[in-house]
C-alpha atoms as a PDB file:
ATOM      1  CA  MET A   1       0.200   0.169   0.042  1.00  0.00           C
ATOM      2  CA  LYS A   2       1.264   3.673  -0.544  1.00  0.00           C
ATOM      3  CA  THR A   3       0.156   7.024   0.208  1.00  0.00           C
ATOM      4  CA  ARG A   4       1.471   9.465  -1.667  1.00  0.00           C
ATOM      5  CA  THR A   5       2.118  13.114   0.913  1.00  0.00           C
ATOM      6  CA  LYS A   6       3.212  16.375  -0.079  1.00  0.00           C
ATOM      7  CA  GLY A   7       5.001  14.768  -3.683  1.00  0.00           C
ATOM      8  CA  THR A   8       6.277  12.351  -2.257  1.00  0.00           C
ATOM      9  CA  VAL A   9       5.098   8.687  -2.243  1.00  0.00           C
ATOM     10  CA  LEU A  10       5.562   6.725   1.687  1.00  0.00           C
ATOM     11  CA  THR A  11       5.301   2.924   1.707  1.00  0.00           C
ATOM     12  CA  THR A  12       3.250   1.196   4.652  1.00  0.00           C
ATOM     13  CA  THR A  13       3.345  -1.672   5.510  1.00  0.00           C
ATOM     14  CA  SER A  14       0.040  -3.845   6.418  1.00  0.00           C
ATOM     15  CA  ILE A  15       0.917  -5.593  10.141  1.00  0.00           C
ATOM     16  CA  SER A  16      -0.576  -8.666   8.954  1.00  0.00           C
ATOM     17  CA  ASP A  17       2.940  -8.336   6.044  1.00  0.00           C
ATOM     18  CA  GLN A  18       4.753  -7.088   9.244  1.00  0.00           C
ATOM     19  CA  VAL A  19       4.613 -10.579  10.757  1.00  0.00           C
ATOM     20  CA  ASP A  20       4.544 -12.782   7.828  1.00  0.00           C
ATOM     21  CA  GLU A  21       8.022 -11.286   7.345  1.00  0.00           C
ATOM     22  CA  PHE A  22       9.329 -11.426  11.458  1.00  0.00           C
ATOM     23  CA  ASN A  23       7.862 -15.122  11.154  1.00  0.00           C
ATOM     24  CA  VAL A  24      10.177 -16.533   8.651  1.00  0.00           C
ATOM     25  CA  GLY A  25      13.458 -15.572  10.022  1.00  0.00           C
ATOM     26  CA  PHE A  26      11.819 -16.614  13.700  1.00  0.00           C
ATOM     27  CA  THR A  27      10.761 -20.036  12.391  1.00  0.00           C
ATOM     28  CA  ALA A  28      14.009 -20.385  11.150  1.00  0.00           C
ATOM     29  CA  GLN A  29      16.147 -19.123  14.719  1.00  0.00           C
ATOM     30  CA  ILE A  30      14.283 -21.201  17.110  1.00  0.00           C
ATOM     31  CA  GLY A  31      13.833 -24.427  14.857  1.00  0.00           C
ATOM     32  CA  PRO A  32      10.985 -26.753  13.973  1.00  0.00           C
ATOM     33  CA  ASP A  33      10.395 -28.246  17.583  1.00  0.00           C
ATOM     34  CA  LEU A  34       9.745 -24.859  19.038  1.00  0.00           C
ATOM     35  CA  SER A  35       7.821 -23.586  16.327  1.00  0.00           C
ATOM     36  CA  ALA A  36       5.473 -26.903  16.496  1.00  0.00           C
ATOM     37  CA  VAL A  37       4.535 -25.729  19.904  1.00  0.00           C
ATOM     38  CA  PHE A  38       3.756 -22.001  19.169  1.00  0.00           C
ATOM     39  CA  ASP A  39       1.572 -23.463  16.422  1.00  0.00           C
ATOM     40  CA  ARG A  40      -0.237 -26.023  18.757  1.00  0.00           C
ATOM     41  CA  GLU A  41      -0.990 -23.350  21.314  1.00  0.00           C
ATOM     42  CA  GLN A  42      -2.378 -20.720  18.879  1.00  0.00           C
ATOM     43  CA  ARG A  43      -4.865 -23.291  16.850  1.00  0.00           C
ATOM     44  CA  ASP A  44      -5.934 -24.245  20.271  1.00  0.00           C
ATOM     45  CA  LEU A  45      -7.051 -20.759  20.653  1.00  0.00           C
ATOM     46  CA  ILE A  46      -8.265 -20.263  17.946  1.00  0.00           C
ATOM     47  CA  GLY A  47     -10.616 -23.366  18.436  1.00  0.00           C
ATOM     48  CA  ASP A  48     -11.859 -22.241  22.131  1.00  0.00           C
ATOM     49  CA  GLY A  49     -12.540 -18.916  20.122  1.00  0.00           C
ATOM     50  CA  VAL A  50     -13.249 -15.632  22.224  1.00  0.00           C
ATOM     51  CA  PRO A  51     -14.597 -16.001  25.630  1.00  0.00           C
ATOM     52  CA  ALA A  52     -18.525 -15.430  26.038  1.00  0.00           C
ATOM     53  CA  ASP A  53     -17.918 -12.859  28.666  1.00  0.00           C
ATOM     54  CA  ALA A  54     -15.629 -10.956  26.794  1.00  0.00           C
ATOM     55  CA  VAL A  55     -16.104  -6.572  26.726  1.00  0.00           C
ATOM     56  CA  ALA A  56     -18.485  -6.456  23.181  1.00  0.00           C
ATOM     57  CA  VAL A  57     -19.520  -3.712  21.519  1.00  0.00           C
ATOM     58  CA  GLY A  58     -22.475  -1.364  23.719  1.00  0.00           C
ATOM     59  CA  ASP A  59     -20.784  -2.147  27.026  1.00  0.00           C
ATOM     60  CA  THR A  60     -20.088   0.646  29.248  1.00  0.00           C
ATOM     61  CA  LEU A  61     -16.304   0.847  30.848  1.00  0.00           C
ATOM     62  CA  ALA A  62     -15.832   1.602  34.667  1.00  0.00           C
ATOM     63  CA  ASP A  63     -13.200   3.690  35.482  1.00  0.00           C
ATOM     64  CA  ALA A  64      -9.531   1.941  35.804  1.00  0.00           C
ATOM     65  CA  VAL A  65      -6.771   2.540  38.046  1.00  0.00           C
ATOM     66  CA  LEU A  66      -3.337   1.983  35.934  1.00  0.00           C
ATOM     67  CA  VAL A  67       0.227   2.651  36.398  1.00  0.00           C
ATOM     68  CA  GLY A  68       2.390   5.038  33.939  1.00  0.00           C
ATOM     69  CA  PRO A  69       6.017   4.007  33.226  1.00  0.00           C
ATOM     70  CA  ASP A  70       6.987   5.928  36.157  1.00  0.00           C
ATOM     71  CA  GLY A  71       5.042   4.178  38.548  1.00  0.00           C
ATOM     72  CA  GLN A  72       2.862   6.790  39.612  1.00  0.00           C
ATOM     73  CA  ASN A  73      -0.830   5.673  39.450  1.00  0.00           C
ATOM     74  CA  VAL A  74      -3.269   7.350  36.892  1.00  0.00           C
ATOM     75  CA  THR A  75      -7.373   6.345  35.960  1.00  0.00           C
ATOM     76  CA  LEU A  76      -8.664   5.952  32.946  1.00  0.00           C
ATOM     77  CA  PHE A  77     -10.619   8.737  32.872  1.00  0.00           C
ATOM     78  CA  ALA A  78      -7.971  11.198  33.471  1.00  0.00           C
ATOM     79  CA  VAL A  79      -5.806  10.485  30.759  1.00  0.00           C
ATOM     80  CA  THR A  80      -9.001  10.244  28.058  1.00  0.00           C
ATOM     81  CA  SER A  81      -9.976  13.800  29.716  1.00  0.00           C
ATOM     82  CA  GLY A  82     -13.205  13.778  28.170  1.00  0.00           C
ATOM     83  CA  ARG A  83     -12.336  12.182  25.060  1.00  0.00           C
ATOM     84  CA  PRO A  84     -13.590   8.957  22.845  1.00  0.00           C
ATOM     85  CA  ALA A  85     -10.219   7.068  23.251  1.00  0.00           C
ATOM     86  CA  VAL A  86      -9.166   3.873  21.055  1.00  0.00           C
ATOM     87  CA  LEU A  87      -7.441   1.271  24.189  1.00  0.00           C
ATOM     88  CA  VAL A  88      -4.991  -1.132  22.642  1.00  0.00           C
ATOM     89  CA  PHE A  89      -4.247  -4.006  25.193  1.00  0.00           C
ATOM     90  CA  TYR A  90      -1.062  -5.585  24.784  1.00  0.00           C
ATOM     91  CA  ARG A  91       0.929  -9.052  26.399  1.00  0.00           C
ATOM     92  CA  GLY A  92       4.340  -7.055  26.705  1.00  0.00           C
ATOM     93  CA  ALA A  93       7.354  -5.971  25.541  1.00  0.00           C
ATOM     94  CA  TRP A  94       8.756  -9.365  25.373  1.00  0.00           C
ATOM     95  CA  CYS A  95       6.363  -9.908  22.469  1.00  0.00           C
ATOM     96  CA  PRO A  96       7.684  -9.470  19.114  1.00  0.00           C
ATOM     97  CA  TYR A  97       4.133  -9.318  17.791  1.00  0.00           C
ATOM     98  CA  CYS A  98       3.254  -6.572  20.321  1.00  0.00           C
ATOM     99  CA  ASN A  99       5.978  -4.182  19.518  1.00  0.00           C
ATOM    100  CA  ILE A 100       5.702  -4.733  15.686  1.00  0.00           C
ATOM    101  CA  THR A 101       1.917  -3.257  16.413  1.00  0.00           C
ATOM    102  CA  LEU A 102       2.901  -0.626  18.677  1.00  0.00           C
ATOM    103  CA  ARG A 103       5.737   0.687  16.357  1.00  0.00           C
ATOM    104  CA  THR A 104       3.288   1.230  13.313  1.00  0.00           C
ATOM    105  CA  TYR A 105       0.361   2.466  15.245  1.00  0.00           C
ATOM    106  CA  GLU A 106       3.093   4.782  16.529  1.00  0.00           C
ATOM    107  CA  ARG A 107       3.999   5.482  13.162  1.00  0.00           C
ATOM    108  CA  GLU A 108       0.657   5.451  10.913  1.00  0.00           C
ATOM    109  CA  LEU A 109      -2.401   5.577  13.401  1.00  0.00           C
ATOM    110  CA  ARG A 110      -1.582   8.020  16.383  1.00  0.00           C
ATOM    111  CA  PRO A 111      -1.158  11.232  13.670  1.00  0.00           C
ATOM    112  CA  GLU A 112      -4.340  10.759  12.331  1.00  0.00           C
ATOM    113  CA  LEU A 113      -6.183  10.244  16.116  1.00  0.00           C
ATOM    114  CA  ASP A 114      -4.143  13.386  16.999  1.00  0.00           C
ATOM    115  CA  ARG A 115      -5.831  15.471  14.360  1.00  0.00           C
ATOM    116  CA  LEU A 116      -9.598  13.775  15.548  1.00  0.00           C
ATOM    117  CA  GLY A 117      -8.824  14.371  19.057  1.00  0.00           C
ATOM    118  CA  VAL A 118      -8.779  10.720  20.096  1.00  0.00           C
ATOM    119  CA  ALA A 119      -6.708   9.560  22.653  1.00  0.00           C
ATOM    120  CA  LEU A 120      -4.377   6.370  21.801  1.00  0.00           C
ATOM    121  CA  ILE A 121      -3.614   4.551  25.174  1.00  0.00           C
ATOM    122  CA  ALA A 122      -1.545   1.225  25.553  1.00  0.00           C
ATOM    123  CA  ILE A 123      -2.445  -1.188  28.215  1.00  0.00           C
ATOM    124  CA  SER A 124      -0.264  -4.660  29.227  1.00  0.00           C
ATOM    125  CA  PRO A 125       0.026  -6.062  32.791  1.00  0.00           C
ATOM    126  CA  GLN A 126       3.887  -5.703  32.860  1.00  0.00           C
ATOM    127  CA  THR A 127       5.646  -4.043  35.319  1.00  0.00           C
ATOM    128  CA  PRO A 128       6.337  -0.682  34.691  1.00  0.00           C
ATOM    129  CA  GLU A 129       9.765  -0.904  33.692  1.00  0.00           C
ATOM    130  CA  GLY A 130       8.110  -3.065  30.880  1.00  0.00           C
ATOM    131  CA  SER A 131       5.665   0.297  29.750  1.00  0.00           C
ATOM    132  CA  THR A 132       8.963   1.963  29.357  1.00  0.00           C
ATOM    133  CA  ALA A 133      10.843  -0.539  27.183  1.00  0.00           C
ATOM    134  CA  ALA A 134       7.965  -0.866  25.015  1.00  0.00           C
ATOM    135  CA  VAL A 135       7.913   3.414  25.047  1.00  0.00           C
ATOM    136  CA  GLN A 136      11.652   3.561  24.556  1.00  0.00           C
ATOM    137  CA  GLY A 137      11.856   0.658  22.271  1.00  0.00           C
ATOM    138  CA  GLY A 138       9.459   1.589  19.948  1.00  0.00           C
ATOM    139  CA  GLU A 139       9.875   5.555  20.371  1.00  0.00           C
ATOM    140  CA  LEU A 140       6.200   6.005  21.123  1.00  0.00           C
ATOM    141  CA  ASN A 141       4.495   9.087  21.420  1.00  0.00           C
ATOM    142  CA  TYR A 142       1.315   8.013  23.546  1.00  0.00           C
ATOM    143  CA  PRO A 143       0.368   6.446  27.128  1.00  0.00           C
ATOM    144  CA  VAL A 144       1.585   3.159  27.462  1.00  0.00           C
ATOM    145  CA  LEU A 145       0.395   2.384  31.493  1.00  0.00           C
ATOM    146  CA  SER A 146       0.007  -0.844  33.232  1.00  0.00           C
ATOM    147  CA  ASP A 147      -2.514  -3.263  34.806  1.00  0.00           C
ATOM    148  CA  PRO A 148      -0.618  -4.531  37.495  1.00  0.00           C
ATOM    149  CA  SER A 149      -3.124  -7.519  38.414  1.00  0.00           C
ATOM    150  CA  ASN A 150      -5.031  -7.599  35.594  1.00  0.00           C
ATOM    151  CA  THR A 151      -7.719  -5.660  37.471  1.00  0.00           C
ATOM    152  CA  PHE A 152      -9.290  -3.881  34.240  1.00  0.00           C
ATOM    153  CA  ILE A 153      -8.303  -6.971  32.383  1.00  0.00           C
ATOM    154  CA  ARG A 154     -10.261  -9.322  33.702  1.00  0.00           C
ATOM    155  CA  SER A 155     -13.260  -7.075  33.709  1.00  0.00           C
ATOM    156  CA  LEU A 156     -13.137  -7.336  30.272  1.00  0.00           C
ATOM    157  CA  GLY A 157     -12.899 -11.131  30.027  1.00  0.00           C
ATOM    158  CA  ILE A 158     -10.289 -11.047  27.919  1.00  0.00           C
ATOM    159  CA  VAL A 159      -8.045 -12.570  30.013  1.00  0.00           C
ATOM    160  CA  THR A 160      -5.736 -15.832  29.167  1.00  0.00           C
ATOM    161  CA  GLU A 161      -1.970 -16.816  29.895  1.00  0.00           C
ATOM    162  CA  PRO A 162      -0.043 -19.125  27.753  1.00  0.00           C
ATOM    163  CA  SER A 163       0.060 -23.156  28.185  1.00  0.00           C
ATOM    164  CA  ALA A 164       2.334 -25.522  29.592  1.00  0.00           C
ATOM    165  CA  ALA A 165       4.182 -26.065  27.087  1.00  0.00           C
ATOM    166  CA  ALA A 166       4.700 -22.796  25.717  1.00  0.00           C
ATOM    167  CA  ARG A 167       6.088 -21.452  28.769  1.00  0.00           C
ATOM    168  CA  VAL A 168       8.206 -24.070  28.858  1.00  0.00           C
ATOM    169  CA  ALA A 169       9.062 -23.333  25.248  1.00  0.00           C
ATOM    170  CA  HIS A 170       9.829 -19.778  26.789  1.00  0.00           C
ATOM    171  CA  THR A 171      12.240 -21.258  29.108  1.00  0.00           C
ATOM    172  CA  GLU A 172      14.347 -22.295  26.851  1.00  0.00           C
ATOM    173  CA  LEU A 173      14.585 -18.720  24.911  1.00  0.00           C
ATOM    174  CA  GLY A 174      15.373 -17.174  27.970  1.00  0.00           C
ATOM    175  CA  PHE A 175      12.321 -16.058  29.400  1.00  0.00           C
ATOM    176  CA  ASP A 176       9.034 -16.100  31.142  1.00  0.00           C
ATOM    177  CA  VAL A 177       6.039 -14.195  31.586  1.00  0.00           C
ATOM    178  CA  ALA A 178       5.593 -14.004  34.866  1.00  0.00           C
ATOM    179  CA  ASP A 179       9.317 -12.264  34.945  1.00  0.00           C
ATOM    180  CA  SER A 180       7.688  -9.751  32.740  1.00  0.00           C
ATOM    181  CA  ASN A 181       4.069  -9.244  34.964  1.00  0.00           C
ATOM    182  CA  ALA A 182       4.162  -6.514  37.486  1.00  0.00           C
ATOM    183  CA  ASP A 183       1.621  -9.444  39.772  1.00  0.00           C
ATOM    184  CA  SER A 184       4.476 -12.484  38.809  1.00  0.00           C
ATOM    185  CA  THR A 185       1.573 -14.192  37.200  1.00  0.00           C
ATOM    186  CA  ALA A 186       1.646 -15.647  33.826  1.00  0.00           C
ATOM    187  CA  GLY A 187      -1.728 -13.525  32.962  1.00  0.00           C
ATOM    188  CA  ILE A 188      -1.905 -11.708  29.882  1.00  0.00           C
ATOM    189  CA  PRO A 189      -4.852 -10.154  27.569  1.00  0.00           C
ATOM    190  CA  PHE A 190      -5.958 -11.474  24.155  1.00  0.00           C
ATOM    191  CA  PRO A 191      -4.676  -8.865  21.713  1.00  0.00           C
ATOM    192  CA  THR A 192      -7.771  -6.320  21.937  1.00  0.00           C
ATOM    193  CA  VAL A 193      -8.703  -3.235  20.610  1.00  0.00           C
ATOM    194  CA  LEU A 194     -11.281  -1.283  21.923  1.00  0.00           C
ATOM    195  CA  ILE A 195     -12.871   2.167  20.666  1.00  0.00           C
ATOM    196  CA  VAL A 196     -15.003   3.797  23.421  1.00  0.00           C
ATOM    197  CA  ASP A 197     -16.548   7.542  22.981  1.00  0.00           C
ATOM    198  CA  ALA A 198     -16.751   9.979  25.136  1.00  0.00           C
ATOM    199  CA  ASN A 199     -18.649   8.412  27.840  1.00  0.00           C
ATOM    200  CA  GLY A 200     -16.139   4.937  27.371  1.00  0.00           C
ATOM    201  CA  THR A 201     -18.966   3.098  25.981  1.00  0.00           C
ATOM    202  CA  VAL A 202     -17.704   0.888  23.458  1.00  0.00           C
ATOM    203  CA  THR A 203     -18.473   1.442  20.001  1.00  0.00           C
ATOM    204  CA  TYR A 204     -16.319  -0.845  17.935  1.00  0.00           C
ATOM    205  CA  ALA A 205     -13.774  -4.119  19.877  1.00  0.00           C
ATOM    206  CA  ASP A 206     -11.576  -6.302  18.281  1.00  0.00           C
ATOM    207  CA  ILE A 207     -10.247  -9.777  20.135  1.00  0.00           C
ATOM    208  CA  HIS A 208      -7.714 -11.175  18.462  1.00  0.00           C
ATOM    209  CA  VAL A 209      -7.537 -15.217  20.243  1.00  0.00           C
ATOM    210  CA  ASP A 210      -4.892 -15.647  17.918  1.00  0.00           C
ATOM    211  CA  TYR A 211      -2.002 -13.695  19.288  1.00  0.00           C
ATOM    212  CA  THR A 212       0.284 -13.226  15.879  1.00  0.00           C
ATOM    213  CA  THR A 213      -2.830 -11.750  13.995  1.00  0.00           C
ATOM    214  CA  ARG A 214      -3.779  -7.734  15.195  1.00  0.00           C
ATOM    215  CA  THR A 215      -5.960  -4.807  14.131  1.00  0.00           C
ATOM    216  CA  GLU A 216      -5.110  -3.445  11.469  1.00  0.00           C
ATOM    217  CA  VAL A 217      -4.822   1.296  11.193  1.00  0.00           C
ATOM    218  CA  SER A 218      -7.400   1.169   8.202  1.00  0.00           C
ATOM    219  CA  ALA A 219      -9.965  -0.633  10.682  1.00  0.00           C
ATOM    220  CA  ILE A 220      -9.699   1.176  13.330  1.00  0.00           C
ATOM    221  CA  LEU A 221      -9.694   4.443  11.642  1.00  0.00           C
ATOM    222  CA  ALA A 222     -12.898   3.131  10.116  1.00  0.00           C
ATOM    223  CA  GLY A 223     -13.869   1.883  13.069  1.00  0.00           C
ATOM    224  CA  VAL A 224     -13.435   5.873  15.385  1.00  0.00           C
ATOM    225  CA  ALA A 225     -15.547   7.217  12.008  1.00  0.00           C
ATOM    226  CA  LEU A 226     -18.573   5.201  12.687  1.00  0.00           C
END
């Protein structure tokens, strides 16, 4: 996809295409055995589908206490400041698919949302240090907050955790999800994008049980325009 700006053709790449490119190198790096573990996990997640009690269009969100990269508490409504908002729930800075997505949103989504007066906020259960890593690694210029015990995420019905086999595979790759989470558990959100209006009512919800797929910028902008 190409976008022309002030006489210059800028080439943008979908998240899906970036993930496909990443997966080629990642699969070669980790080998067929670990790849098979993650492939099986993704198939199982897809088979189970979106939880029946997951947040949906028409729900109204309650305010939530979150934590900034500086370790200070902040409320969701204080950050949205009465504006419509795009809420991005991601697994953590350890997740390459999340990093691809957050960088793409910074580059291609945030400027459009700024123009429209819509807030963009990313939320994960990781430590404030993890949020700082996400901000610095992606050069992000939108709020990146922690939900330390998955309290807010759990209220939305979008909590999951890696399979036992996947956690063993993570260990072989040198990390454990629980070490990144603020509460030292393995709970993580399904990658999710919610669009809420100024009153906190959900007008768009896209929940991805397969964590290698994400909501494209074009879909979010279309949802904002509804």
